[in-house]
Every structure is written in C-alpha cells, then in structure tokens.
Amino acid sequence: MLSPATKFAPKSAEPFQQAYDAGFRSAEFWLDGALIENWQSIAAVAGEFPMRYALHFPNRGEFDQQALQNVVSLYQALECSALVIHQPMFNLYGQQLFEIDANLRLGIENH
C-alpha cells in the first residue's frame, strides 16, 4: 500500500511531531554517522509516534562493523519497510549488511 511519506533527520522529537501533526504516517530517516551512533535514542523517540519508517543509508563516510550493526539494529527495532541505499554505498557495504541481516529489504538508488 502506498502512503505519502516525509523525510527528515531524526535529531530530536521535533521533526517527528511536525511530521505527525502534518498528517504523515510514514517517514524516511536521513542518517549520518552521528545519528547512527545514537540509534537507540532514535528508536525510543520513533516508538512514541504511530508511523511506518524507512531508513536512508548515508551517502558519504566510512562505516565500521559497529556502525553497520547499529543501522541494522535501528531498522529492526522500528520494523522498517526498507533501507534505501545508493549504489556506491551498496557496493561498499551491501554484503556486510546482508551478513548482519539476510532479510533486509533494500531499495537501491542509482544516483
């Protein structure tokens, strides 16, 4: 089922509340290294809002095994519908992500 979604960096409860108040019930999170480190806080805040979530893997940066585990942990905690990842990052990290969770639903973007 299609649902209009918004996209934001989940840095605080404010963007969640704004999205919810605007009528969105689906959101895609833009992530970076600092947000990935704080995945548990993001999951806790997200759990306060009855929404469906997808994650957008960072387009830049180098990520170690712990960071990749954190992305997958957030994905699992929120029962995300997808992990959007651009082709260059998929080439670098796709295999490792699938080794952590073989059931990830990836949306690969070629731009």
PDB file of N, CA and C in Angstrom:
ATOM      1  N   MET A   1       0.836  -1.171   0.000  1.00  0.00           N
ATOM      2  CA  MET A   1       0.000   0.000   0.000  1.00  0.00           C
ATOM      3  C   MET A   1       0.889   1.245   0.000  1.00  0.00           C
ATOM      4  N   LEU A   2       0.581   2.168  -0.879  1.00  0.00           N
ATOM      5  CA  LEU A   2       1.330   3.414  -0.934  1.00  0.00           C
ATOM      6  C   LEU A   2       0.827   4.367   0.134  1.00  0.00           C
ATOM      7  N   SER A   3       1.764   5.116   0.665  1.00  0.00           N
ATOM      8  CA  SER A   3       1.440   6.087   1.702  1.00  0.00           C
ATOM      9  C   SER A   3       2.342   7.298   1.511  1.00  0.00           C
ATOM     10  N   PRO A   4       1.803   8.512   1.523  1.00  0.00           N
ATOM     11  CA  PRO A   4       2.679   9.676   1.435  1.00  0.00           C
ATOM     12  C   PRO A   4       3.649   9.674   2.618  1.00  0.00           C
ATOM     13  N   ALA A   5       4.892   9.990   2.335  1.00  0.00           N
ATOM     14  CA  ALA A   5       5.913   9.978   3.382  1.00  0.00           C
ATOM     15  C   ALA A   5       6.689  11.281   3.352  1.00  0.00           C
ATOM     16  N   THR A   6       7.289  11.584   4.470  1.00  0.00           N
ATOM     17  CA  THR A   6       8.186  12.719   4.581  1.00  0.00           C
ATOM     18  C   THR A   6       9.576  12.174   4.895  1.00  0.00           C
ATOM     19  N   LYS A   7      10.561  13.023   4.759  1.00  0.00           N
ATOM     20  CA  LYS A   7      11.934  12.612   5.022  1.00  0.00           C
ATOM     21  C   LYS A   7      12.573  13.647   5.933  1.00  0.00           C
ATOM     22  N   PHE A   8      13.239  13.176   6.977  1.00  0.00           N
ATOM     23  CA  PHE A   8      13.898  14.109   7.885  1.00  0.00           C
ATOM     24  C   PHE A   8      15.024  13.401   8.632  1.00  0.00           C
ATOM     25  N   ALA A   9      15.913  14.223   9.202  1.00  0.00           N
ATOM     26  CA  ALA A   9      16.965  13.712  10.079  1.00  0.00           C
ATOM     27  C   ALA A   9      16.362  13.626  11.476  1.00  0.00           C
ATOM     28  N   PRO A  10      16.366  12.463  12.083  1.00  0.00           N
ATOM     29  CA  PRO A  10      15.721  12.280  13.386  1.00  0.00           C
ATOM     30  C   PRO A  10      16.613  12.740  14.549  1.00  0.00           C
ATOM     31  N   LYS A  11      16.891  14.040  14.588  1.00  0.00           N
ATOM     32  CA  LYS A  11      17.822  14.587  15.578  1.00  0.00           C
ATOM     33  C   LYS A  11      17.174  14.876  16.923  1.00  0.00           C
ATOM     34  N   SER A  12      15.848  14.980  16.939  1.00  0.00           N
ATOM     35  CA  SER A  12      15.113  15.267  18.174  1.00  0.00           C
ATOM     36  C   SER A  12      13.666  14.841  17.956  1.00  0.00           C
ATOM     37  N   ALA A  13      12.832  15.035  18.955  1.00  0.00           N
ATOM     38  CA  ALA A  13      11.414  14.702  18.828  1.00  0.00           C
ATOM     39  C   ALA A  13      10.681  15.694  17.927  1.00  0.00           C
ATOM     40  N   GLU A  14      11.229  16.888  17.748  1.00  0.00           N
ATOM     41  CA  GLU A  14      10.545  17.931  16.988  1.00  0.00           C
ATOM     42  C   GLU A  14      10.184  17.531  15.558  1.00  0.00           C
ATOM     43  N   PRO A  15      11.104  16.988  14.746  1.00  0.00           N
ATOM     44  CA  PRO A  15      10.686  16.623  13.384  1.00  0.00           C
ATOM     45  C   PRO A  15       9.640  15.505  13.353  1.00  0.00           C
ATOM     46  N   PHE A  16       9.688  14.616  14.321  1.00  0.00           N
ATOM     47  CA  PHE A  16       8.659  13.578  14.416  1.00  0.00           C
ATOM     48  C   PHE A  16       7.296  14.226  14.646  1.00  0.00           C
ATOM     49  N   GLN A  17       7.253  15.136  15.616  1.00  0.00           N
ATOM     50  CA  GLN A  17       5.991  15.791  15.951  1.00  0.00           C
ATOM     51  C   GLN A  17       5.473  16.612  14.780  1.00  0.00           C
ATOM     52  N   GLN A  18       6.368  17.330  14.101  1.00  0.00           N
ATOM     53  CA  GLN A  18       5.963  18.129  12.945  1.00  0.00           C
ATOM     54  C   GLN A  18       5.384  17.239  11.855  1.00  0.00           C
ATOM     55  N   ALA A  19       6.047  16.131  11.585  1.00  0.00           N
ATOM     56  CA  ALA A  19       5.558  15.208  10.551  1.00  0.00           C
ATOM     57  C   ALA A  19       4.197  14.647  10.936  1.00  0.00           C
ATOM     58  N   TYR A  20       4.069  14.237  12.172  1.00  0.00           N
ATOM     59  CA  TYR A  20       2.806  13.656  12.631  1.00  0.00           C
ATOM     60  C   TYR A  20       1.690  14.691  12.588  1.00  0.00           C
ATOM     61  N   ASP A  21       1.968  15.896  13.060  1.00  0.00           N
ATOM     62  CA  ASP A  21       0.963  16.958  13.056  1.00  0.00           C
ATOM     63  C   ASP A  21       0.546  17.340  11.638  1.00  0.00           C
ATOM     64  N   ALA A  22       1.458  17.190  10.684  1.00  0.00           N
ATOM     65  CA  ALA A  22       1.151  17.499   9.282  1.00  0.00           C
ATOM     66  C   ALA A  22       0.357  16.383   8.612  1.00  0.00           C
ATOM     67  N   GLY A  23       0.138  15.297   9.323  1.00  0.00           N
ATOM     68  CA  GLY A  23      -0.682  14.212   8.782  1.00  0.00           C
ATOM     69  C   GLY A  23       0.092  13.046   8.209  1.00  0.00           C
ATOM     70  N   PHE A  24       1.410  13.109   8.269  1.00  0.00           N
ATOM     71  CA  PHE A  24       2.200  11.991   7.759  1.00  0.00           C
ATOM     72  C   PHE A  24       2.150  10.823   8.729  1.00  0.00           C
ATOM     73  N   ARG A  25       2.071   9.622   8.161  1.00  0.00           N
ATOM     74  CA  ARG A  25       2.107   8.403   8.967  1.00  0.00           C
ATOM     75  C   ARG A  25       3.220   7.480   8.494  1.00  0.00           C
ATOM     76  N   SER A  26       4.043   8.006   7.572  1.00  0.00           N
ATOM     77  CA  SER A  26       5.223   7.296   7.080  1.00  0.00           C
ATOM     78  C   SER A  26       6.360   8.308   6.964  1.00  0.00           C
ATOM     79  N   ALA A  27       7.562   7.861   7.300  1.00  0.00           N
ATOM     80  CA  ALA A  27       8.717   8.753   7.230  1.00  0.00           C
ATOM     81  C   ALA A  27       9.967   7.958   6.855  1.00  0.00           C
ATOM     82  N   GLU A  28      10.850   8.628   6.137  1.00  0.00           N
ATOM     83  CA  GLU A  28      12.159   8.086   5.819  1.00  0.00           C
ATOM     84  C   GLU A  28      13.181   8.924   6.563  1.00  0.00           C
ATOM     85  N   PHE A  29      14.065   8.261   7.283  1.00  0.00           N
ATOM     86  CA  PHE A  29      15.091   8.966   8.042  1.00  0.00           C
ATOM     87  C   PHE A  29      16.346   9.135   7.207  1.00  0.00           C
ATOM     88  N   TRP A  30      16.822  10.366   7.122  1.00  0.00           N
ATOM     89  CA  TRP A  30      18.138  10.647   6.578  1.00  0.00           C
ATOM     90  C   TRP A  30      19.122  10.443   7.719  1.00  0.00           C
ATOM     91  N   LEU A  31      20.115   9.604   7.487  1.00  0.00           N
ATOM     92  CA  LEU A  31      21.073   9.259   8.544  1.00  0.00           C
ATOM     93  C   LEU A  31      22.476   9.740   8.210  1.00  0.00           C
ATOM     94  N   ASP A  32      23.252   9.972   9.260  1.00  0.00           N
ATOM     95  CA  ASP A  32      24.688  10.221   9.133  1.00  0.00           C
ATOM     96  C   ASP A  32      25.373   9.462  10.262  1.00  0.00           C
ATOM     97  N   GLY A  33      26.665   9.548  10.333  1.00  0.00           N
ATOM     98  CA  GLY A  33      27.422   8.786  11.319  1.00  0.00           C
ATOM     99  C   GLY A  33      27.012   9.070  12.758  1.00  0.00           C
ATOM    100  N   ALA A  34      26.779  10.348  13.092  1.00  0.00           N
ATOM    101  CA  ALA A  34      26.396  10.697  14.461  1.00  0.00           C
ATOM    102  C   ALA A  34      25.026  10.128  14.816  1.00  0.00           C
ATOM    103  N   LEU A  35      24.099  10.173  13.882  1.00  0.00           N
ATOM    104  CA  LEU A  35      22.770   9.621  14.145  1.00  0.00           C
ATOM    105  C   LEU A  35      22.829   8.114  14.304  1.00  0.00           C
ATOM    106  N   ILE A  36      23.655   7.467  13.501  1.00  0.00           N
ATOM    107  CA  ILE A  36      23.786   6.010  13.594  1.00  0.00           C
ATOM    108  C   ILE A  36      24.285   5.611  14.986  1.00  0.00           C
ATOM    109  N   GLU A  37      25.191   6.401  15.544  1.00  0.00           N
ATOM    110  CA  GLU A  37      25.695   6.106  16.889  1.00  0.00           C
ATOM    111  C   GLU A  37      24.590   6.177  17.937  1.00  0.00           C
ATOM    112  N   ASN A  38      23.604   7.024  17.705  1.00  0.00           N
ATOM    113  CA  ASN A  38      22.524   7.243  18.664  1.00  0.00           C
ATOM    114  C   ASN A  38      21.245   6.506  18.269  1.00  0.00           C
ATOM    115  N   TRP A  39      21.381   5.356  17.664  1.00  0.00           N
ATOM    116  CA  TRP A  39      20.215   4.648  17.133  1.00  0.00           C
ATOM    117  C   TRP A  39      19.197   4.313  18.217  1.00  0.00           C
ATOM    118  N   GLN A  40      19.642   4.028  19.425  1.00  0.00           N
ATOM    119  CA  GLN A  40      18.699   3.654  20.485  1.00  0.00           C
ATOM    120  C   GLN A  40      17.806   4.832  20.878  1.00  0.00           C
ATOM    121  N   SER A  41      18.368   6.018  20.922  1.00  0.00           N
ATOM    122  CA  SER A  41      17.573   7.213  21.222  1.00  0.00           C
ATOM    123  C   SER A  41      16.560   7.474  20.113  1.00  0.00           C
ATOM    124  N   ILE A  42      16.995   7.310  18.871  1.00  0.00           N
ATOM    125  CA  ILE A  42      16.084   7.494  17.735  1.00  0.00           C
ATOM    126  C   ILE A  42      14.943   6.490  17.816  1.00  0.00           C
ATOM    127  N   ALA A  43      15.262   5.251  18.100  1.00  0.00           N
ATOM    128  CA  ALA A  43      14.233   4.210  18.197  1.00  0.00           C
ATOM    129  C   ALA A  43      13.246   4.532  19.311  1.00  0.00           C
ATOM    130  N   ALA A  44      13.738   5.044  20.424  1.00  0.00           N
ATOM    131  CA  ALA A  44      12.858   5.372  21.543  1.00  0.00           C
ATOM    132  C   ALA A  44      11.882   6.489  21.171  1.00  0.00           C
ATOM    133  N   VAL A  45      12.382   7.540  20.556  1.00  0.00           N
ATOM    134  CA  VAL A  45      11.507   8.644  20.152  1.00  0.00           C
ATOM    135  C   VAL A  45      10.541   8.180  19.068  1.00  0.00           C
ATOM    136  N   ALA A  46      11.038   7.468  18.081  1.00  0.00           N
ATOM    137  CA  ALA A  46      10.180   6.989  16.990  1.00  0.00           C
ATOM    138  C   ALA A  46       9.053   6.115  17.513  1.00  0.00           C
ATOM    139  N   GLY A  47       9.321   5.364  18.556  1.00  0.00           N
ATOM    140  CA  GLY A  47       8.312   4.491  19.133  1.00  0.00           C
ATOM    141  C   GLY A  47       7.139   5.239  19.748  1.00  0.00           C
ATOM    142  N   GLU A  48       7.308   6.529  19.991  1.00  0.00           N
ATOM    143  CA  GLU A  48       6.235   7.348  20.551  1.00  0.00           C
ATOM    144  C   GLU A  48       5.233   7.798  19.491  1.00  0.00           C
ATOM    145  N   PHE A  49       5.563   7.578  18.214  1.00  0.00           N
ATOM    146  CA  PHE A  49       4.709   8.041  17.122  1.00  0.00           C
ATOM    147  C   PHE A  49       4.246   6.841  16.300  1.00  0.00           C
ATOM    148  N   PRO A  50       2.942   6.697  16.102  1.00  0.00           N
ATOM    149  CA  PRO A  50       2.425   5.557  15.327  1.00  0.00           C
ATOM    150  C   PRO A  50       2.621   5.769  13.824  1.00  0.00           C
ATOM    151  N   MET A  51       3.857   5.541  13.401  1.00  0.00           N
ATOM    152  CA  MET A  51       4.216   5.761  11.994  1.00  0.00           C
ATOM    153  C   MET A  51       4.979   4.550  11.475  1.00  0.00           C
ATOM    154  N   ARG A  52       5.035   4.442  10.144  1.00  0.00           N
ATOM    155  CA  ARG A  52       5.883   3.451   9.476  1.00  0.00           C
ATOM    156  C   ARG A  52       7.161   4.171   9.081  1.00  0.00           C
ATOM    157  N   TYR A  53       8.288   3.434   9.136  1.00  0.00           N
ATOM    158  CA  TYR A  53       9.577   4.060   8.875  1.00  0.00           C
ATOM    159  C   TYR A  53      10.399   3.309   7.837  1.00  0.00           C
ATOM    160  N   ALA A  54      11.226   4.080   7.135  1.00  0.00           N
ATOM    161  CA  ALA A  54      12.272   3.559   6.266  1.00  0.00           C
ATOM    162  C   ALA A  54      13.531   4.342   6.621  1.00  0.00           C
ATOM    163  N   LEU A  55      14.676   3.748   6.366  1.00  0.00           N
ATOM    164  CA  LEU A  55      15.955   4.410   6.641  1.00  0.00           C
ATOM    165  C   LEU A  55      16.648   4.745   5.335  1.00  0.00           C
ATOM    166  N   HIS A  56      17.383   5.841   5.318  1.00  0.00           N
ATOM    167  CA  HIS A  56      18.220   6.193   4.168  1.00  0.00           C
ATOM    168  C   HIS A  56      19.668   6.130   4.626  1.00  0.00           C
ATOM    169  N   PHE A  57      20.383   5.133   4.128  1.00  0.00           N
ATOM    170  CA  PHE A  57      21.790   4.946   4.482  1.00  0.00           C
ATOM    171  C   PHE A  57      22.576   6.174   4.037  1.00  0.00           C
ATOM    172  N   PRO A  58      23.556   6.617   4.832  1.00  0.00           N
ATOM    173  CA  PRO A  58      24.350   7.798   4.464  1.00  0.00           C
ATOM    174  C   PRO A  58      25.005   7.651   3.093  1.00  0.00           C
ATOM    175  N   ASN A  59      25.100   8.770   2.393  1.00  0.00           N
ATOM    176  CA  ASN A  59      25.722   8.784   1.063  1.00  0.00           C
ATOM    177  C   ASN A  59      27.223   8.966   1.115  1.00  0.00           C
ATOM    178  N   ARG A  60      27.741   9.378   2.271  1.00  0.00           N
ATOM    179  CA  ARG A  60      29.174   9.635   2.413  1.00  0.00           C
ATOM    180  C   ARG A  60      29.661   9.077   3.732  1.00  0.00           C
ATOM    181  N   GLY A  61      30.938   8.825   3.770  1.00  0.00           N
ATOM    182  CA  GLY A  61      31.556   8.401   5.015  1.00  0.00           C
ATOM    183  C   GLY A  61      32.026   6.964   4.959  1.00  0.00           C
ATOM    184  N   GLU A  62      32.838   6.634   5.929  1.00  0.00           N
ATOM    185  CA  GLU A  62      33.310   5.271   6.093  1.00  0.00           C
ATOM    186  C   GLU A  62      32.680   4.724   7.356  1.00  0.00           C
ATOM    187  N   PHE A  63      32.202   3.488   7.287  1.00  0.00           N
ATOM    188  CA  PHE A  63      31.473   2.905   8.399  1.00  0.00           C
ATOM    189  C   PHE A  63      32.077   1.574   8.789  1.00  0.00           C
ATOM    190  N   ASP A  64      32.324   1.432  10.085  1.00  0.00           N
ATOM    191  CA  ASP A  64      32.881   0.186  10.582  1.00  0.00           C
ATOM    192  C   ASP A  64      31.754  -0.803  10.876  1.00  0.00           C
ATOM    193  N   GLN A  65      32.127  -1.975  11.319  1.00  0.00           N
ATOM    194  CA  GLN A  65      31.156  -3.038  11.572  1.00  0.00           C
ATOM    195  C   GLN A  65      30.124  -2.624  12.618  1.00  0.00           C
ATOM    196  N   GLN A  66      30.547  -1.879  13.639  1.00  0.00           N
ATOM    197  CA  GLN A  66      29.611  -1.440  14.670  1.00  0.00           C
ATOM    198  C   GLN A  66      28.574  -0.485  14.099  1.00  0.00           C
ATOM    199  N   ALA A  67      29.007   0.441  13.253  1.00  0.00           N
ATOM    200  CA  ALA A  67      28.062   1.377  12.629  1.00  0.00           C
ATOM    201  C   ALA A  67      27.051   0.626  11.772  1.00  0.00           C
ATOM    202  N   LEU A  68      27.516  -0.356  11.019  1.00  0.00           N
ATOM    203  CA  LEU A  68      26.599  -1.151  10.192  1.00  0.00           C
ATOM    204  C   LEU A  68      25.627  -1.929  11.068  1.00  0.00           C
ATOM    205  N   GLN A  69      26.116  -2.475  12.165  1.00  0.00           N
ATOM    206  CA  GLN A  69      25.240  -3.174  13.105  1.00  0.00           C
ATOM    207  C   GLN A  69      24.198  -2.218  13.675  1.00  0.00           C
ATOM    208  N   ASN A  70      24.608  -0.990  13.970  1.00  0.00           N
ATOM    209  CA  ASN A  70      23.675  -0.006  14.503  1.00  0.00           C
ATOM    210  C   ASN A  70      22.573   0.328  13.498  1.00  0.00           C
ATOM    211  N   VAL A  71      22.935   0.457  12.230  1.00  0.00           N
ATOM    212  CA  VAL A  71      21.926   0.712  11.197  1.00  0.00           C
ATOM    213  C   VAL A  71      20.915  -0.429  11.171  1.00  0.00           C
ATOM    214  N   VAL A  72      21.409  -1.648  11.170  1.00  0.00           N
ATOM    215  CA  VAL A  72      20.522  -2.809  11.133  1.00  0.00           C
ATOM    216  C   VAL A  72      19.696  -2.894  12.421  1.00  0.00           C
ATOM    217  N   SER A  73      20.286  -2.574  13.542  1.00  0.00           N
ATOM    218  CA  SER A  73      19.539  -2.587  14.807  1.00  0.00           C
ATOM    219  C   SER A  73      18.398  -1.582  14.790  1.00  0.00           C
ATOM    220  N   LEU A  74      18.644  -0.387  14.258  1.00  0.00           N
ATOM    221  CA  LEU A  74      17.579   0.609  14.142  1.00  0.00           C
ATOM    222  C   LEU A  74      16.500   0.115  13.188  1.00  0.00           C
ATOM    223  N   TYR A  75      16.919  -0.415  12.061  1.00  0.00           N
ATOM    224  CA  TYR A  75      15.992  -0.981  11.073  1.00  0.00           C
ATOM    225  C   TYR A  75      15.101  -2.042  11.729  1.00  0.00           C
ATOM    226  N   GLN A  76      15.693  -2.913  12.480  1.00  0.00           N
ATOM    227  CA  GLN A  76      14.937  -3.987  13.134  1.00  0.00           C
ATOM    228  C   GLN A  76      14.045  -3.452  14.244  1.00  0.00           C
ATOM    229  N   ALA A  77      14.555  -2.539  15.058  1.00  0.00           N
ATOM    230  CA  ALA A  77      13.789  -2.008  16.180  1.00  0.00           C
ATOM    231  C   ALA A  77      12.515  -1.312  15.709  1.00  0.00           C
ATOM    232  N   LEU A  78      12.593  -0.653  14.562  1.00  0.00           N
ATOM    233  CA  LEU A  78      11.444   0.085  14.033  1.00  0.00           C
ATOM    234  C   LEU A  78      10.637  -0.724  13.027  1.00  0.00           C
ATOM    235  N   GLU A  79      11.064  -1.963  12.787  1.00  0.00           N
ATOM    236  CA  GLU A  79      10.393  -2.805  11.786  1.00  0.00           C
ATOM    237  C   GLU A  79      10.233  -2.026  10.482  1.00  0.00           C
ATOM    238  N   CYS A  80      11.348  -1.481  10.014  1.00  0.00           N
ATOM    239  CA  CYS A  80      11.336  -0.616   8.833  1.00  0.00           C
ATOM    240  C   CYS A  80      10.858  -1.352   7.589  1.00  0.00           C
ATOM    241  N   SER A  81      10.248  -0.579   6.703  1.00  0.00           N
ATOM    242  CA  SER A  81       9.767  -1.146   5.446  1.00  0.00           C
ATOM    243  C   SER A  81      10.902  -1.316   4.445  1.00  0.00           C
ATOM    244  N   ALA A  82      11.968  -0.516   4.586  1.00  0.00           N
ATOM    245  CA  ALA A  82      13.084  -0.601   3.642  1.00  0.00           C
ATOM    246  C   ALA A  82      14.293   0.163   4.171  1.00  0.00           C
ATOM    247  N   LEU A  83      15.438  -0.182   3.622  1.00  0.00           N
ATOM    248  CA  LEU A  83      16.671   0.569   3.817  1.00  0.00           C
ATOM    249  C   LEU A  83      17.082   1.055   2.434  1.00  0.00           C
ATOM    250  N   VAL A  84      16.986   2.357   2.214  1.00  0.00           N
ATOM    251  CA  VAL A  84      17.362   2.949   0.932  1.00  0.00           C
ATOM    252  C   VAL A  84      18.868   3.174   0.958  1.00  0.00           C
ATOM    253  N   ILE A  85      19.532   2.737  -0.097  1.00  0.00           N
ATOM    254  CA  ILE A  85      20.991   2.862  -0.161  1.00  0.00           C
ATOM    255  C   ILE A  85      21.393   3.139  -1.604  1.00  0.00           C
ATOM    256  N   HIS A  86      22.284   4.099  -1.796  1.00  0.00           N
ATOM    257  CA  HIS A  86      22.753   4.416  -3.142  1.00  0.00           C
ATOM    258  C   HIS A  86      23.760   3.361  -3.591  1.00  0.00           C
ATOM    259  N   GLN A  87      23.817   3.150  -4.885  1.00  0.00           N
ATOM    260  CA  GLN A  87      24.624   2.084  -5.458  1.00  0.00           C
ATOM    261  C   GLN A  87      26.074   2.085  -4.981  1.00  0.00           C
ATOM    262  N   PRO A  88      26.763   3.250  -4.941  1.00  0.00           N
ATOM    263  CA  PRO A  88      28.165   3.209  -4.477  1.00  0.00           C
ATOM    264  C   PRO A  88      28.306   2.708  -3.037  1.00  0.00           C
ATOM    265  N   MET A  89      27.365   3.090  -2.172  1.00  0.00           N
ATOM    266  CA  MET A  89      27.427   2.627  -0.786  1.00  0.00           C
ATOM    267  C   MET A  89      27.019   1.152  -0.700  1.00  0.00           C
ATOM    268  N   PHE A  90      26.103   0.737  -1.545  1.00  0.00           N
ATOM    269  CA  PHE A  90      25.746  -0.681  -1.589  1.00  0.00           C
ATOM    270  C   PHE A  90      26.957  -1.512  -2.005  1.00  0.00           C
ATOM    271  N   ASN A  91      27.710  -1.001  -2.990  1.00  0.00           N
ATOM    272  CA  ASN A  91      28.905  -1.717  -3.435  1.00  0.00           C
ATOM    273  C   ASN A  91      29.900  -1.892  -2.295  1.00  0.00           C
ATOM    274  N   LEU A  92      30.004  -0.885  -1.424  1.00  0.00           N
ATOM    275  CA  LEU A  92      30.937  -0.941  -0.303  1.00  0.00           C
ATOM    276  C   LEU A  92      30.411  -1.771   0.867  1.00  0.00           C
ATOM    277  N   TYR A  93      29.113  -1.650   1.175  1.00  0.00           N
ATOM    278  CA  TYR A  93      28.590  -2.193   2.427  1.00  0.00           C
ATOM    279  C   TYR A  93      27.463  -3.205   2.295  1.00  0.00           C
ATOM    280  N   GLY A  94      26.972  -3.423   1.091  1.00  0.00           N
ATOM    281  CA  GLY A  94      25.825  -4.308   0.911  1.00  0.00           C
ATOM    282  C   GLY A  94      26.050  -5.702   1.463  1.00  0.00           C
ATOM    283  N   GLN A  95      27.171  -6.306   1.151  1.00  0.00           N
ATOM    284  CA  GLN A  95      27.446  -7.667   1.613  1.00  0.00           C
ATOM    285  C   GLN A  95      27.492  -7.734   3.141  1.00  0.00           C
ATOM    286  N   GLN A  96      28.160  -6.762   3.755  1.00  0.00           N
ATOM    287  CA  GLN A  96      28.243  -6.748   5.218  1.00  0.00           C
ATOM    288  C   GLN A  96      26.861  -6.557   5.849  1.00  0.00           C
ATOM    289  N   LEU A  97      26.035  -5.706   5.252  1.00  0.00           N
ATOM    290  CA  LEU A  97      24.685  -5.502   5.780  1.00  0.00           C
ATOM    291  C   LEU A  97      23.874  -6.796   5.704  1.00  0.00           C
ATOM    292  N   PHE A  98      23.977  -7.497   4.582  1.00  0.00           N
ATOM    293  CA  PHE A  98      23.249  -8.761   4.429  1.00  0.00           C
ATOM    294  C   PHE A  98      23.791  -9.845   5.359  1.00  0.00           C
ATOM    295  N   GLU A  99      25.078  -9.771   5.700  1.00  0.00           N
ATOM    296  CA  GLU A  99      25.630 -10.737   6.658  1.00  0.00           C
ATOM    297  C   GLU A  99      25.055 -10.504   8.051  1.00  0.00           C
ATOM    298  N   ILE A 100      24.732  -9.261   8.364  1.00  0.00           N
ATOM    299  CA  ILE A 100      24.119  -8.950   9.653  1.00  0.00           C
ATOM    300  C   ILE A 100      22.654  -9.376   9.657  1.00  0.00           C
ATOM    301  N   ASP A 101      21.951  -9.098   8.576  1.00  0.00           N
ATOM    302  CA  ASP A 101      20.533  -9.460   8.467  1.00  0.00           C
ATOM    303  C   ASP A 101      20.225  -9.801   7.015  1.00  0.00           C
ATOM    304  N   ALA A 102      20.119 -11.073   6.733  1.00  0.00           N
ATOM    305  CA  ALA A 102      19.871 -11.542   5.364  1.00  0.00           C
ATOM    306  C   ALA A 102      18.492 -11.157   4.854  1.00  0.00           C
ATOM    307  N   ASN A 103      17.615 -10.689   5.740  1.00  0.00           N
ATOM    308  CA  ASN A 103      16.256 -10.349   5.333  1.00  0.00           C
ATOM    309  C   ASN A 103      16.022  -8.855   5.140  1.00  0.00           C
ATOM    310  N   LEU A 104      17.094  -8.076   5.087  1.00  0.00           N
ATOM    311  CA  LEU A 104      16.931  -6.641   4.842  1.00  0.00           C
ATOM    312  C   LEU A 104      16.215  -6.417   3.519  1.00  0.00           C
ATOM    313  N   ARG A 105      15.314  -5.455   3.516  1.00  0.00           N
ATOM    314  CA  ARG A 105      14.656  -5.041   2.273  1.00  0.00           C
ATOM    315  C   ARG A 105      15.358  -3.758   1.834  1.00  0.00           C
ATOM    316  N   LEU A 106      16.161  -3.860   0.778  1.00  0.00           N
ATOM    317  CA  LEU A 106      16.930  -2.723   0.302  1.00  0.00           C
ATOM    318  C   LEU A 106      16.264  -2.088  -0.903  1.00  0.00           C
ATOM    319  N   GLY A 107      16.276  -0.771  -0.929  1.00  0.00           N
ATOM    320  CA  GLY A 107      15.895  -0.005  -2.100  1.00  0.00           C
ATOM    321  C   GLY A 107      17.168   0.649  -2.609  1.00  0.00           C
ATOM    322  N   ILE A 108      17.671   0.197  -3.750  1.00  0.00           N
ATOM    323  CA  ILE A 108      18.956   0.684  -4.253  1.00  0.00           C
ATOM    324  C   ILE A 108      18.700   1.806  -5.261  1.00  0.00           C
ATOM    325  N   GLU A 109      19.291   2.966  -5.011  1.00  0.00           N
ATOM    326  CA  GLU A 109      19.181   4.109  -5.897  1.00  0.00           C
ATOM    327  C   GLU A 109      20.454   4.231  -6.709  1.00  0.00           C
ATOM    328  N   ASN A 110      20.299   4.550  -7.987  1.00  0.00           N
ATOM    329  CA  ASN A 110      21.455   4.640  -8.880  1.00  0.00           C
ATOM    330  C   ASN A 110      21.886   6.071  -9.145  1.00  0.00           C
ATOM    331  N   HIS A 111      21.583   6.982  -8.265  1.00  0.00           N
ATOM    332  CA  HIS A 111      22.043   8.370  -8.478  1.00  0.00           C
ATOM    333  C   HIS A 111      22.700   8.905  -7.254  1.00  0.00           C
TER     334      HIS A 111
END
